[in-house]
């Protein structure tokens, strides 16, 4: 499924409903088999939005082939802060770890 503006708006609205106490957001990408450059830019926008709102965001479960394809398409690898599993994602958003995929 496409990660279009509707997805961004749904995530933003959910974040807003949660209130200002949110310190971390885990974006579960484990179900994504294919991402194009537009999807990558959408994920980057989401991460920047959360950062501006004071929350640390991390992508969880990106498959290595998807990451390689995105980098091959010119997606900025520095914007792809990601981890493989939930434990690592929780540690990352809590600030207990800075391990990343890329």
N, C-alpha and C. Protein backbone atom coordinates (compact mmCIF):
# COMPACT_ATOMS: atom_id res chain seq x y z
N UNK A 1 0.85 -1.19 0.00
CA UNK A 1 0.00 0.00 0.00
C UNK A 1 0.88 1.24 0.00
N UNK A 2 0.41 2.30 -0.61
CA UNK A 2 1.17 3.54 -0.72
C UNK A 2 1.18 4.29 0.61
N UNK A 3 2.31 4.93 0.88
CA UNK A 3 2.43 5.77 2.07
C UNK A 3 2.20 7.22 1.66
N UNK A 4 1.01 7.53 1.22
CA UNK A 4 0.71 8.86 0.73
C UNK A 4 0.35 9.84 1.82
N UNK A 5 -0.14 10.99 1.41
CA UNK A 5 -0.46 12.06 2.36
C UNK A 5 -1.56 11.64 3.33
N UNK A 6 -2.44 10.74 2.91
CA UNK A 6 -3.49 10.26 3.81
C UNK A 6 -2.90 9.50 4.99
N UNK A 7 -1.88 8.72 4.73
CA UNK A 7 -1.21 7.98 5.80
C UNK A 7 -0.53 8.94 6.76
N UNK A 8 0.16 9.91 6.21
CA UNK A 8 0.84 10.91 7.05
C UNK A 8 -0.18 11.63 7.93
N UNK A 9 -1.31 11.99 7.36
CA UNK A 9 -2.34 12.70 8.11
C UNK A 9 -2.92 11.81 9.22
N UNK A 10 -3.15 10.53 8.92
CA UNK A 10 -3.67 9.61 9.94
C UNK A 10 -2.68 9.47 11.10
N UNK A 11 -1.41 9.35 10.79
CA UNK A 11 -0.40 9.20 11.84
C UNK A 11 -0.30 10.49 12.65
N UNK A 12 -0.33 11.63 11.97
CA UNK A 12 -0.25 12.92 12.66
C UNK A 12 -1.44 13.09 13.60
N UNK A 13 -2.64 12.74 13.11
CA UNK A 13 -3.84 12.86 13.94
C UNK A 13 -3.77 11.95 15.16
N UNK A 14 -3.30 10.72 14.98
CA UNK A 14 -3.15 9.80 16.10
C UNK A 14 -2.16 10.32 17.12
N UNK A 15 -1.07 10.89 16.64
CA UNK A 15 -0.06 11.47 17.53
C UNK A 15 -0.66 12.64 18.31
N UNK A 16 -1.42 13.47 17.63
CA UNK A 16 -2.05 14.63 18.28
C UNK A 16 -3.02 14.19 19.37
N UNK A 17 -3.80 13.14 19.10
CA UNK A 17 -4.76 12.62 20.09
C UNK A 17 -4.05 12.09 21.33
N UNK A 18 -2.83 11.59 21.14
CA UNK A 18 -2.08 11.02 22.27
C UNK A 18 -1.60 12.11 23.23
N UNK A 19 -1.56 13.34 22.78
CA UNK A 19 -1.14 14.43 23.64
C UNK A 19 0.35 14.65 23.62
N UNK A 20 0.81 15.60 24.42
CA UNK A 20 2.20 16.00 24.39
C UNK A 20 3.15 15.12 25.16
N UNK A 21 2.67 14.07 25.79
CA UNK A 21 3.54 13.23 26.59
C UNK A 21 4.29 12.16 25.82
N UNK A 22 4.08 12.08 24.51
CA UNK A 22 4.73 11.05 23.71
C UNK A 22 6.20 11.41 23.51
N UNK A 23 7.07 10.51 23.94
CA UNK A 23 8.52 10.74 23.82
C UNK A 23 9.15 9.92 22.71
N UNK A 24 8.46 8.88 22.25
CA UNK A 24 9.02 8.04 21.21
C UNK A 24 7.95 7.42 20.36
N UNK A 25 8.29 7.20 19.08
CA UNK A 25 7.36 6.61 18.13
C UNK A 25 8.10 5.52 17.35
N UNK A 26 7.50 4.35 17.28
CA UNK A 26 8.06 3.25 16.51
C UNK A 26 7.19 3.06 15.27
N UNK A 27 7.79 3.22 14.11
CA UNK A 27 7.07 3.02 12.85
C UNK A 27 7.39 1.61 12.37
N UNK A 28 6.42 0.71 12.48
CA UNK A 28 6.63 -0.69 12.12
C UNK A 28 6.53 -0.85 10.61
N UNK A 29 7.67 -1.15 9.99
CA UNK A 29 7.76 -1.31 8.54
C UNK A 29 7.92 -2.76 8.14
N UNK A 30 7.74 -3.67 9.07
CA UNK A 30 8.01 -5.09 8.80
C UNK A 30 7.09 -5.68 7.73
N UNK A 31 5.93 -5.11 7.54
CA UNK A 31 5.01 -5.62 6.53
C UNK A 31 5.22 -5.04 5.15
N UNK A 32 6.16 -4.13 5.02
CA UNK A 32 6.39 -3.49 3.73
C UNK A 32 7.39 -4.30 2.92
N UNK A 33 6.93 -4.79 1.79
CA UNK A 33 7.80 -5.59 0.91
C UNK A 33 8.55 -4.72 -0.08
N UNK A 34 7.92 -3.64 -0.52
CA UNK A 34 8.50 -2.78 -1.53
C UNK A 34 8.24 -1.33 -1.14
N UNK A 35 9.26 -0.50 -1.26
CA UNK A 35 9.10 0.94 -1.06
C UNK A 35 9.75 1.65 -2.23
N UNK A 36 9.11 2.71 -2.69
CA UNK A 36 9.75 3.52 -3.73
C UNK A 36 10.27 4.80 -3.09
N UNK A 37 10.84 5.66 -3.89
CA UNK A 37 11.45 6.89 -3.37
C UNK A 37 10.40 7.78 -2.71
N UNK A 38 9.18 7.79 -3.23
CA UNK A 38 8.11 8.59 -2.62
C UNK A 38 7.78 8.07 -1.22
N UNK A 39 7.73 6.75 -1.07
CA UNK A 39 7.48 6.15 0.24
C UNK A 39 8.60 6.49 1.21
N UNK A 40 9.83 6.43 0.72
CA UNK A 40 10.98 6.77 1.55
C UNK A 40 10.88 8.22 2.03
N UNK A 41 10.54 9.12 1.13
CA UNK A 41 10.39 10.52 1.50
C UNK A 41 9.25 10.71 2.49
N UNK A 42 8.19 9.93 2.37
CA UNK A 42 7.08 9.99 3.31
C UNK A 42 7.55 9.57 4.71
N UNK A 43 8.31 8.48 4.79
CA UNK A 43 8.83 8.04 6.09
C UNK A 43 9.77 9.08 6.68
N UNK A 44 10.56 9.73 5.83
CA UNK A 44 11.46 10.78 6.29
C UNK A 44 10.65 11.96 6.85
N UNK A 45 9.58 12.34 6.16
CA UNK A 45 8.72 13.43 6.63
C UNK A 45 8.10 13.10 7.99
N UNK A 46 7.64 11.86 8.13
CA UNK A 46 7.07 11.43 9.41
C UNK A 46 8.10 11.54 10.52
N UNK A 47 9.30 11.06 10.29
CA UNK A 47 10.34 11.12 11.31
C UNK A 47 10.67 12.56 11.68
N UNK A 48 10.77 13.44 10.68
CA UNK A 48 11.06 14.85 10.96
C UNK A 48 9.91 15.49 11.74
N UNK A 49 8.67 15.16 11.37
CA UNK A 49 7.51 15.70 12.06
C UNK A 49 7.54 15.31 13.54
N UNK A 50 7.80 14.03 13.82
CA UNK A 50 7.87 13.60 15.22
C UNK A 50 8.99 14.30 15.96
N UNK A 51 10.11 14.47 15.30
CA UNK A 51 11.24 15.15 15.92
C UNK A 51 10.87 16.59 16.28
N UNK A 52 10.19 17.27 15.38
CA UNK A 52 9.75 18.65 15.66
C UNK A 52 8.77 18.71 16.81
N UNK A 53 8.01 17.63 17.00
CA UNK A 53 7.03 17.55 18.08
C UNK A 53 7.63 17.01 19.38
N UNK A 54 8.95 16.78 19.37
CA UNK A 54 9.64 16.37 20.58
C UNK A 54 9.71 14.87 20.83
N UNK A 55 9.40 14.07 19.83
CA UNK A 55 9.44 12.61 20.00
C UNK A 55 10.56 12.02 19.14
N UNK A 56 11.21 11.02 19.67
CA UNK A 56 12.23 10.31 18.92
C UNK A 56 11.55 9.19 18.15
N UNK A 57 11.75 9.15 16.83
CA UNK A 57 11.09 8.15 15.99
C UNK A 57 12.11 7.23 15.35
N UNK A 58 11.74 5.97 15.23
CA UNK A 58 12.61 4.98 14.62
C UNK A 58 11.78 4.06 13.73
N UNK A 59 12.38 3.65 12.62
CA UNK A 59 11.75 2.68 11.73
C UNK A 59 12.15 1.29 12.19
N UNK A 60 11.18 0.43 12.32
CA UNK A 60 11.45 -0.94 12.78
C UNK A 60 11.09 -1.93 11.70
N UNK A 61 11.98 -2.90 11.49
CA UNK A 61 11.65 -4.03 10.63
C UNK A 61 11.84 -3.85 9.14
N UNK A 62 12.56 -2.81 8.73
CA UNK A 62 12.83 -2.68 7.30
C UNK A 62 13.70 -3.84 6.84
N UNK A 63 13.30 -4.48 5.78
CA UNK A 63 14.05 -5.62 5.26
C UNK A 63 15.33 -5.11 4.56
N UNK A 64 16.43 -5.86 4.68
CA UNK A 64 17.70 -5.42 4.08
C UNK A 64 17.59 -5.11 2.59
N UNK A 65 16.83 -5.90 1.86
CA UNK A 65 16.66 -5.65 0.42
C UNK A 65 15.95 -4.33 0.15
N UNK A 66 14.98 -4.00 1.00
CA UNK A 66 14.25 -2.74 0.87
C UNK A 66 15.19 -1.57 1.14
N UNK A 67 16.01 -1.69 2.19
CA UNK A 67 16.97 -0.63 2.53
C UNK A 67 17.96 -0.44 1.38
N UNK A 68 18.49 -1.53 0.85
CA UNK A 68 19.45 -1.46 -0.25
C UNK A 68 18.83 -0.80 -1.48
N UNK A 69 17.58 -1.16 -1.77
CA UNK A 69 16.90 -0.57 -2.92
C UNK A 69 16.68 0.93 -2.73
N UNK A 70 16.30 1.34 -1.52
CA UNK A 70 16.08 2.75 -1.25
C UNK A 70 17.37 3.55 -1.39
N UNK A 71 18.45 3.00 -0.87
CA UNK A 71 19.74 3.69 -0.99
C UNK A 71 20.14 3.76 -2.46
N UNK A 72 19.88 2.69 -3.21
CA UNK A 72 20.14 2.69 -4.64
C UNK A 72 19.33 3.73 -5.39
N UNK A 73 18.14 4.04 -4.90
CA UNK A 73 17.28 5.06 -5.52
C UNK A 73 17.69 6.48 -5.12
N UNK A 74 18.64 6.58 -4.19
CA UNK A 74 19.10 7.91 -3.78
C UNK A 74 18.47 8.42 -2.50
N UNK A 75 17.76 7.56 -1.78
CA UNK A 75 17.18 7.96 -0.50
C UNK A 75 18.32 8.21 0.48
N UNK A 76 18.23 9.27 1.26
CA UNK A 76 19.27 9.64 2.21
C UNK A 76 19.35 8.62 3.35
N UNK A 77 20.43 7.87 3.39
CA UNK A 77 20.59 6.82 4.39
C UNK A 77 20.61 7.37 5.81
N UNK A 78 21.07 8.60 6.00
CA UNK A 78 21.09 9.20 7.33
C UNK A 78 19.69 9.41 7.89
N UNK A 79 18.72 9.50 7.01
CA UNK A 79 17.33 9.70 7.43
C UNK A 79 16.63 8.38 7.74
N UNK A 80 17.29 7.26 7.49
CA UNK A 80 16.68 5.95 7.69
C UNK A 80 17.11 5.34 9.02
N UNK A 81 16.88 6.03 10.09
CA UNK A 81 17.21 5.45 11.39
C UNK A 81 16.26 4.29 11.63
N UNK A 82 16.84 3.11 11.66
CA UNK A 82 16.00 1.94 11.82
C UNK A 82 16.66 0.86 12.63
N UNK A 83 15.84 0.00 13.17
CA UNK A 83 16.29 -1.15 13.96
C UNK A 83 15.50 -2.37 13.50
N UNK A 84 15.98 -3.55 13.90
CA UNK A 84 15.36 -4.77 13.42
C UNK A 84 14.21 -5.27 14.28
N UNK A 85 14.29 -5.14 15.59
CA UNK A 85 13.26 -5.73 16.44
C UNK A 85 12.67 -4.75 17.44
N UNK A 86 11.61 -5.19 18.09
CA UNK A 86 10.89 -4.34 19.03
C UNK A 86 11.75 -3.95 20.23
N UNK A 87 12.52 -4.90 20.76
CA UNK A 87 13.38 -4.57 21.90
C UNK A 87 14.35 -3.44 21.56
N UNK A 88 14.97 -3.55 20.38
CA UNK A 88 15.90 -2.52 19.94
C UNK A 88 15.18 -1.20 19.68
N UNK A 89 13.98 -1.27 19.14
CA UNK A 89 13.21 -0.06 18.87
C UNK A 89 12.86 0.67 20.16
N UNK A 90 12.42 -0.10 21.16
CA UNK A 90 12.09 0.51 22.45
C UNK A 90 13.31 1.16 23.10
N UNK A 91 14.45 0.48 23.03
CA UNK A 91 15.69 1.05 23.59
C UNK A 91 16.07 2.32 22.83
N UNK A 92 15.88 2.32 21.53
CA UNK A 92 16.23 3.48 20.71
C UNK A 92 15.38 4.69 21.06
N UNK A 93 14.06 4.51 21.12
CA UNK A 93 13.19 5.67 21.39
C UNK A 93 13.33 6.16 22.82
N UNK A 94 13.78 5.28 23.72
CA UNK A 94 14.04 5.70 25.10
C UNK A 94 15.39 6.40 25.24
N UNK A 95 16.20 6.36 24.18
CA UNK A 95 17.51 6.97 24.23
C UNK A 95 18.56 6.09 24.86
N UNK A 96 18.25 4.81 25.03
CA UNK A 96 19.17 3.88 25.65
C UNK A 96 20.14 3.26 24.65
N UNK A 97 19.88 3.48 23.36
CA UNK A 97 20.72 2.89 22.33
C UNK A 97 20.73 3.81 21.13
N UNK A 98 21.84 3.83 20.42
CA UNK A 98 21.88 4.59 19.18
C UNK A 98 22.25 3.67 18.01
N UNK A 99 22.06 2.36 18.21
CA UNK A 99 22.33 1.41 17.14
C UNK A 99 21.32 1.61 16.03
N UNK A 100 21.84 1.62 14.80
CA UNK A 100 20.99 1.82 13.66
C UNK A 100 21.34 0.79 12.59
N UNK A 101 20.44 0.62 11.64
CA UNK A 101 20.68 -0.27 10.51
C UNK A 101 21.71 0.31 9.56
N UNK A 102 21.65 1.60 9.37
CA UNK A 102 22.54 2.24 8.39
C UNK A 102 23.35 3.31 9.08
